[in-house]
Protein backbone atom coordinates (compact mmCIF):
# COMPACT_ATOMS: atom_id res chain seq x y z
CA UNK A 1 -1.92 25.85 -50.87
CA UNK A 2 -3.95 24.00 -48.22
CA UNK A 3 -2.63 23.75 -44.74
CA UNK A 4 -3.72 20.64 -42.90
CA UNK A 5 -2.42 20.42 -39.35
CA UNK A 6 -1.01 17.10 -38.29
CA UNK A 7 -2.16 15.73 -34.99
CA UNK A 8 -0.35 13.12 -33.08
CA UNK A 9 -2.33 10.01 -32.26
CA UNK A 10 -0.59 9.85 -28.90
CA UNK A 11 -2.22 11.76 -26.13
CA UNK A 12 -0.29 13.15 -23.25
CA UNK A 13 -1.44 11.02 -20.37
CA UNK A 14 -0.17 11.67 -16.93
CA UNK A 15 1.17 8.46 -15.54
CA UNK A 16 0.20 7.65 -11.99
CA UNK A 17 3.10 6.01 -10.26
CA UNK A 18 2.28 2.98 -8.20
CA UNK A 19 3.42 3.15 -4.59
CA UNK A 20 3.67 0.50 -1.89
CA UNK A 21 2.32 0.53 1.65
CA UNK A 22 4.99 -1.07 3.82
CA UNK A 23 4.29 -2.58 7.24
CA UNK A 24 7.28 -2.14 9.53
CA UNK A 25 8.27 -4.46 12.37
CA UNK A 26 7.77 -3.22 15.91
CA UNK A 27 8.31 -4.58 19.40
CA UNK A 28 4.94 -3.78 20.95
CA UNK A 29 2.18 -5.31 18.75
CA UNK A 30 1.62 -9.08 18.82
CA UNK A 31 0.84 -11.26 15.81
CA UNK A 32 -2.87 -11.65 16.51
CA UNK A 33 -3.38 -7.90 16.83
CA UNK A 34 -1.53 -7.13 13.58
CA UNK A 35 -3.46 -9.87 11.76
CA UNK A 36 -6.79 -8.50 13.02
CA UNK A 37 -5.87 -4.98 11.88
CA UNK A 38 -4.85 -6.12 8.39
CA UNK A 39 -8.05 -8.15 7.99
CA UNK A 40 -10.23 -5.28 9.22
CA UNK A 41 -8.63 -2.33 7.44
CA UNK A 42 -6.97 -3.83 4.33
CA UNK A 43 -9.57 -6.53 3.64
CA UNK A 44 -6.88 -9.20 3.59
CA UNK A 45 -7.85 -12.78 4.27
CA UNK A 46 -6.67 -14.14 7.63
CA UNK A 47 -4.07 -16.26 5.81
CA UNK A 48 -2.72 -13.25 3.86
CA UNK A 49 -2.60 -11.18 7.05
CA UNK A 50 -0.77 -13.94 8.90
CA UNK A 51 1.79 -14.24 6.11
CA UNK A 52 2.29 -10.46 6.09
CA UNK A 53 2.83 -10.47 9.88
CA UNK A 54 5.37 -13.31 9.70
CA UNK A 55 7.28 -11.69 6.81
CA UNK A 56 7.34 -8.40 8.70
CA UNK A 57 8.61 -10.10 11.85
CA UNK A 58 11.48 -11.93 10.18
CA UNK A 59 12.48 -9.49 7.42
CA UNK A 60 11.58 -6.23 9.15
CA UNK A 61 9.07 -4.99 6.59
CA UNK A 62 6.42 -6.26 4.19
CA UNK A 63 4.55 -4.75 1.26
CA UNK A 64 0.89 -5.08 2.26
CA UNK A 65 -0.75 -3.03 -0.48
CA UNK A 66 0.08 -1.30 -3.78
CA UNK A 67 -1.72 1.61 -5.38
CA UNK A 68 -1.70 5.36 -5.80
CA UNK A 69 -0.35 7.57 -3.08
CA UNK A 70 -3.80 8.90 -2.16
CA UNK A 71 -5.31 5.41 -1.88
CA UNK A 72 -2.50 4.27 0.37
CA UNK A 73 -2.51 7.41 2.48
CA UNK A 74 -5.98 6.67 3.84
CA UNK A 75 -5.03 3.09 4.71
CA UNK A 76 -1.84 4.32 6.38
CA UNK A 77 -3.79 6.79 8.49
CA UNK A 78 -6.28 4.13 9.58
CA UNK A 79 -3.62 1.56 10.45
CA UNK A 80 -1.55 4.18 12.27
CA UNK A 81 -4.56 4.88 14.50
CA UNK A 82 -4.43 1.20 15.46
CA UNK A 83 -0.78 1.62 16.45
CA UNK A 84 0.97 -0.03 13.50
CA UNK A 85 4.14 1.40 11.98
CA UNK A 86 3.92 1.98 8.22
CA UNK A 87 5.50 3.93 5.41
CA UNK A 88 4.68 4.61 1.78
CA UNK A 89 7.50 3.97 -0.70
């Protein structure tokens, strides 16, 4: 009697959950400053950065970047040094 083990074709892959970097509205940074920070740190175009700033102002928050937690953590640290309020969800 031959024993041939059966292997599953599916591999156990660890799924990396996508997170969002959220810019929160504040009362002390003006539009131009926020736009400059988003262009400099997040490599957004000036138009994207302006739209993000306007959405944040009127809605209170805006998703400015998606990715893994570690990718977003570095961006959050950099933008926090510039005085912006952010969170990772």
